[in-house]
Every structure is written in structure tokens, then in C-alpha cells.
Protein backbone atom coordinates (compact mmCIF):
# COMPACT_ATOMS: atom_id res chain seq x y z
CA MET A 1 0.04 0.05 0.03
CA SER A 2 1.39 3.34 -0.88
CA LEU A 3 1.26 6.32 1.60
CA ILE A 4 -1.38 7.93 -0.33
CA GLU A 5 -3.41 4.82 -0.29
CA ALA A 6 -2.75 4.50 3.34
CA LEU A 7 -3.73 8.26 4.10
CA ASN A 8 -7.11 7.53 1.99
CA TRP A 9 -7.70 4.35 4.14
CA ARG A 10 -7.17 6.22 7.60
CA TYR A 11 -9.69 8.41 9.44
CA ALA A 12 -9.92 9.87 12.83
CA THR A 13 -11.49 6.71 14.45
CA LYS A 14 -14.22 7.56 16.80
CA LYS A 15 -14.63 4.09 18.32
CA MET A 16 -12.16 1.29 18.77
CA ASN A 17 -12.95 -2.44 19.44
CA GLY A 18 -10.24 -2.94 22.19
CA THR A 19 -8.10 -5.44 20.20
CA LYS A 20 -4.45 -5.12 20.91
CA VAL A 21 -1.96 -3.87 18.35
CA PRO A 22 0.91 -6.17 18.06
CA GLN A 23 4.04 -4.84 19.89
CA GLU A 24 6.20 -4.67 16.81
CA LYS A 25 3.70 -2.58 15.08
CA VAL A 26 3.60 -0.04 18.02
CA ASP A 27 7.51 -0.12 18.11
CA GLN A 28 7.42 0.64 14.46
CA ILE A 29 5.19 3.59 14.76
CA VAL A 30 7.18 5.01 17.75
CA GLU A 31 10.48 4.40 15.73
CA ALA A 32 9.03 6.40 12.83
CA ALA A 33 8.34 9.24 15.18
CA ARG A 34 11.97 9.00 16.38
CA LEU A 35 13.26 9.13 12.82
CA ALA A 36 11.32 12.30 11.99
CA PRO A 37 13.11 15.38 10.95
CA THR A 38 13.47 18.05 13.66
CA SER A 39 15.16 21.57 13.60
CA SER A 40 18.89 20.97 14.03
CA GLY A 41 18.37 17.52 14.73
CA LEU A 42 17.66 18.13 18.44
CA GLN A 43 14.55 15.92 18.75
CA PRO A 44 13.16 18.13 21.50
CA PHE A 45 10.31 15.88 22.50
CA LYS A 46 9.63 12.25 24.03
CA VAL A 47 6.91 9.72 23.18
CA ILE A 48 5.11 8.19 26.15
CA VAL A 49 3.42 4.83 25.60
CA VAL A 50 0.58 3.98 28.13
CA THR A 51 -0.81 0.66 28.13
CA ASN A 52 -1.94 0.60 31.99
CA GLN A 53 -5.74 0.44 31.87
CA GLU A 54 -6.19 2.54 35.05
CA LEU A 55 -4.11 5.36 33.91
CA LYS A 56 -5.76 5.49 30.48
CA GLU A 57 -9.08 5.86 32.26
CA LYS A 58 -7.67 8.53 34.44
CA ILE A 59 -6.17 10.20 31.46
CA SER A 60 -9.62 10.03 29.60
CA THR A 61 -11.39 12.19 32.25
CA ILE A 62 -8.72 14.87 31.62
CA ALA A 63 -9.70 14.54 28.04
CA PHE A 64 -13.27 15.28 28.11
CA GLY A 65 -14.16 11.46 28.39
CA GLN A 66 -13.01 10.62 24.93
CA GLN A 67 -13.78 6.97 24.77
CA GLN A 68 -10.88 6.09 22.36
CA ILE A 69 -8.50 6.62 25.15
CA ILE A 70 -10.18 3.85 27.20
CA ASP A 71 -10.61 1.52 24.25
CA CYS A 72 -7.40 1.80 22.62
CA SER A 73 -4.54 -0.80 22.83
CA HIS A 74 -1.75 1.69 23.28
CA LEU A 75 -1.80 5.49 24.08
CA LEU A 76 1.04 7.50 22.66
CA ILE A 77 1.52 10.92 24.48
CA PHE A 78 3.97 13.40 22.62
CA ALA A 79 5.96 15.78 25.17
CA ALA A 80 7.98 18.61 24.08
CA TRP A 81 10.86 20.18 25.98
CA ASP A 82 9.79 22.87 28.28
CA ASN A 83 12.70 25.07 27.16
CA TYR A 84 16.05 24.83 25.08
CA THR A 85 18.94 25.02 27.38
CA PRO A 86 22.54 24.88 26.71
CA GLU A 87 23.00 21.58 28.72
CA LYS A 88 20.23 19.78 26.50
CA ILE A 89 21.60 21.20 23.35
CA ARG A 90 25.15 20.19 23.95
CA SER A 91 24.23 16.80 25.25
CA VAL A 92 22.49 16.06 21.74
CA PHE A 93 25.50 17.16 19.80
CA SER A 94 27.86 15.36 22.26
CA HIS A 95 26.00 11.99 21.47
CA THR A 96 25.96 12.75 17.80
CA ASN A 97 29.65 13.47 17.41
CA ALA A 98 30.37 10.33 19.44
CA GLN A 99 28.09 8.16 17.09
CA ARG A 100 29.85 9.72 14.19
CA SER A 101 33.40 9.30 15.64
CA LEU A 102 33.96 12.99 15.37
CA PRO A 103 35.96 14.95 18.04
CA ALA A 104 33.73 16.29 20.84
CA ASP A 105 34.27 19.80 19.73
CA ALA A 106 33.65 19.19 16.03
CA THR A 107 30.20 21.17 16.18
CA LYS A 108 31.03 23.66 18.90
CA ASP A 109 30.78 26.76 16.62
CA TYR A 110 27.32 25.71 15.36
CA GLU A 111 26.22 24.70 19.04
CA ASP A 112 27.35 28.22 20.18
CA ARG A 113 25.21 29.68 17.57
CA ILE A 114 21.98 27.90 18.27
CA ILE A 115 22.39 28.25 21.99
CA SER A 116 22.76 32.02 21.57
CA LEU A 117 19.58 31.93 19.45
CA TYR A 118 17.58 29.96 22.02
CA THR A 119 18.82 31.54 25.08
CA ALA A 120 17.70 34.92 23.77
CA LYS A 121 14.05 33.69 23.75
CA SER A 122 11.67 33.14 26.77
CA ALA A 123 10.92 29.57 27.75
CA GLU A 124 7.44 29.77 26.52
CA GLU A 125 8.57 30.77 23.12
CA ASN A 126 11.08 27.93 23.08
CA PHE A 127 8.37 25.39 24.44
CA HIS A 128 6.17 26.43 21.41
CA HIS A 129 9.13 25.80 18.84
CA ALA A 130 9.65 22.49 20.52
CA ALA A 131 6.06 21.53 20.41
CA LYS A 132 6.14 22.15 16.49
CA GLN A 133 9.04 19.71 16.38
CA ALA A 134 6.90 17.19 18.18
CA TYR A 135 4.01 17.72 15.73
CA ILE A 136 6.42 16.70 12.94
CA GLY A 137 6.88 13.49 14.76
CA PHE A 138 3.16 13.16 15.66
CA GLY A 139 2.44 13.23 11.97
CA VAL A 140 4.98 10.72 10.78
CA ALA A 141 3.60 8.46 13.44
CA ILE A 142 0.26 8.96 12.07
CA ALA A 143 1.35 8.05 8.45
CA GLU A 144 3.16 4.86 9.75
CA ALA A 145 0.26 3.85 11.62
CA ALA A 146 -1.90 4.11 8.57
CA LEU A 147 0.67 2.09 6.41
CA LEU A 148 0.55 -0.55 9.07
CA LYS A 149 -3.29 -0.66 8.98
CA VAL A 150 -3.26 0.51 12.53
CA ASP A 151 -6.07 2.98 13.53
CA ALA A 152 -5.08 6.12 15.22
CA THR A 153 -7.07 9.38 16.57
CA PRO A 154 -5.03 12.51 16.82
CA MET A 155 -6.12 14.54 19.79
CA GLU A 156 -5.56 17.99 21.24
CA GLY A 157 -8.54 17.80 23.29
CA PHE A 158 -7.41 17.46 26.80
CA ASP A 159 -6.13 19.67 29.67
CA PRO A 160 -2.24 19.63 29.39
CA LYS A 161 -1.53 20.87 32.76
CA GLN A 162 -3.44 18.29 34.36
CA LEU A 163 -1.86 15.46 32.31
CA ASP A 164 1.67 16.93 33.19
CA GLU A 165 0.75 16.64 36.69
CA VAL A 166 -0.62 13.14 36.52
CA LEU A 167 2.62 12.01 34.61
CA GLY A 168 4.98 14.03 36.54
CA LEU A 169 6.44 15.66 33.40
CA SER A 170 7.66 19.00 35.05
CA ALA A 171 10.16 17.03 36.80
CA GLN A 172 11.50 15.73 33.45
CA ASN A 173 11.35 19.27 31.83
CA LEU A 174 8.66 18.28 29.40
CA ARG A 175 5.21 19.28 28.68
CA SER A 176 2.48 17.34 26.99
CA THR A 177 1.39 18.33 23.43
CA THR A 178 -0.96 15.74 21.70
CA LEU A 179 -2.33 12.26 22.21
CA LEU A 180 -2.38 9.35 19.87
CA PRO A 181 -4.59 6.48 20.75
CA LEU A 182 -3.71 3.26 18.74
CA GLY A 183 -6.03 0.38 18.03
CA TYR A 184 -8.42 -0.99 15.59
CA ARG A 185 -11.84 0.52 14.55
CA ASP A 186 -15.21 -0.86 15.55
CA ASP A 187 -16.98 -1.18 12.19
CA SER A 188 -20.38 -1.74 13.66
CA GLY A 189 -20.11 1.07 16.55
CA ASP A 190 -18.23 4.01 14.78
CA TRP A 191 -20.51 6.47 13.06
CA LEU A 192 -17.57 7.88 10.87
CA VAL A 193 -16.07 4.77 9.67
CA ASN A 194 -18.11 4.55 6.29
CA LEU A 195 -18.42 8.07 5.57
CA LYS A 196 -16.64 9.70 2.70
CA LYS A 197 -13.11 11.30 3.30
CA VAL A 198 -13.45 15.01 2.34
CA ARG A 199 -10.54 17.25 1.90
CA THR A 200 -9.94 20.68 0.07
CA PRO A 201 -9.94 19.94 -3.70
CA PHE A 202 -6.58 19.90 -4.70
CA GLU A 203 -6.78 22.77 -7.03
CA ASP A 204 -8.02 24.87 -4.23
CA PHE A 205 -5.33 23.55 -1.92
CA VAL A 206 -2.31 24.32 -3.94
CA ILE A 207 -1.14 27.99 -4.83
CA GLU A 208 1.54 28.09 -7.50
CA PHE A 209 3.94 30.72 -8.63
CA LYS A 210 5.41 29.94 -12.04
């Protein structure tokens, strides 16, 4: 199945049937998010995987009672760095240089430039930038799930402050951005399953300068 075919197949599943997604498929979806491009390769986000049913039910109450969170096989939570700091940035490049068998100071000039760029901004501005990077991984994960014929429901409808508190994310210098329940559609109980996919027509979607 091509990516276009997979994207035509997927939809924002409204009711899941509780069937477990094989762990190897979940791992592939998370790996796709890990391999997603990010600004300067910093990967300023984490993916939290929740299968504990009691915790999923607690998270559902924070997410306006959305049933997919309870019925899903695995709940992915994307959480971005709450700020860019020199320590975090240097740690990423230290790892990269070691993996590439480069001297530890091989990227020092570039590190200094981006550290100067980020430290001149507020923590809130930096969080929003990191959250945008998390959204790139989020989108790639959704596409990979579709290729694997695993249903996924992108969600922003939750109270991030409450979720951060439940998961203790502030202690890890993280803030939640999005939720992605993974599972399989309930063909008989999902009102959206057989409705036509509708998007803006191609000719209205694209603006060309020739």
C-alpha cells in the first residue's frame, strides 16, 4: 500500500474495538516518530507509551471523556521540552559526534550559535518551537500507523496542565502536546467509519507561482 492509499484509508477513528495492536507494530510507529526530522536534529520531544488501563481511564477524564483513550490498545503521548537549555543542546551534539566518531568539539561553533539563538528567547517561546517539532513526529507516526493499517486518533482535546501533573512531566522538563490512541476501528459502532473522506480540492489547496 502506498502512503497516499494509506492516508485515504485512515480516518480519525471515533470508536475502537479493544483489540491489541502487536507490539512490533507499535514499536514501528514510535520508531517512525523517532526518525522524523527536527530543527537542528535536536529531537526536543519524547513519546510516552501508556498501556495501563487504570491510567488510560484517568487520562480520559482529563480529555473530556473521549472513549478512544479507554478502548485503545496503546496510548501515545507526545511531550516537548519545556525549554531549550545549553546543557540539553550540548548533550544532543555530544551524542551525535560520538556516534559519528567525530571530535567532541567538532560542532562547537554551530552549538554556540544555536544556544545563543534559543537563550535569547523566553521559555514559553522555546516550548512552542519544541512543540512544533513534536508535531512533525506526531504526523509521521500517524502516517506510519496508516501504512501498518493501525487506526489512530489525533487528539489535542485534553487539559495539558492536568496531564503533566498526572505523569510528573515537569520533573522531566517536559510538557504534553498531543495524544495518539492506537487500536482498531469498531466497524459496527463507529459513526464515521463509512463516511466519505473529504478534503479541500487539490486545485484549491495548492497555490503556485510559475
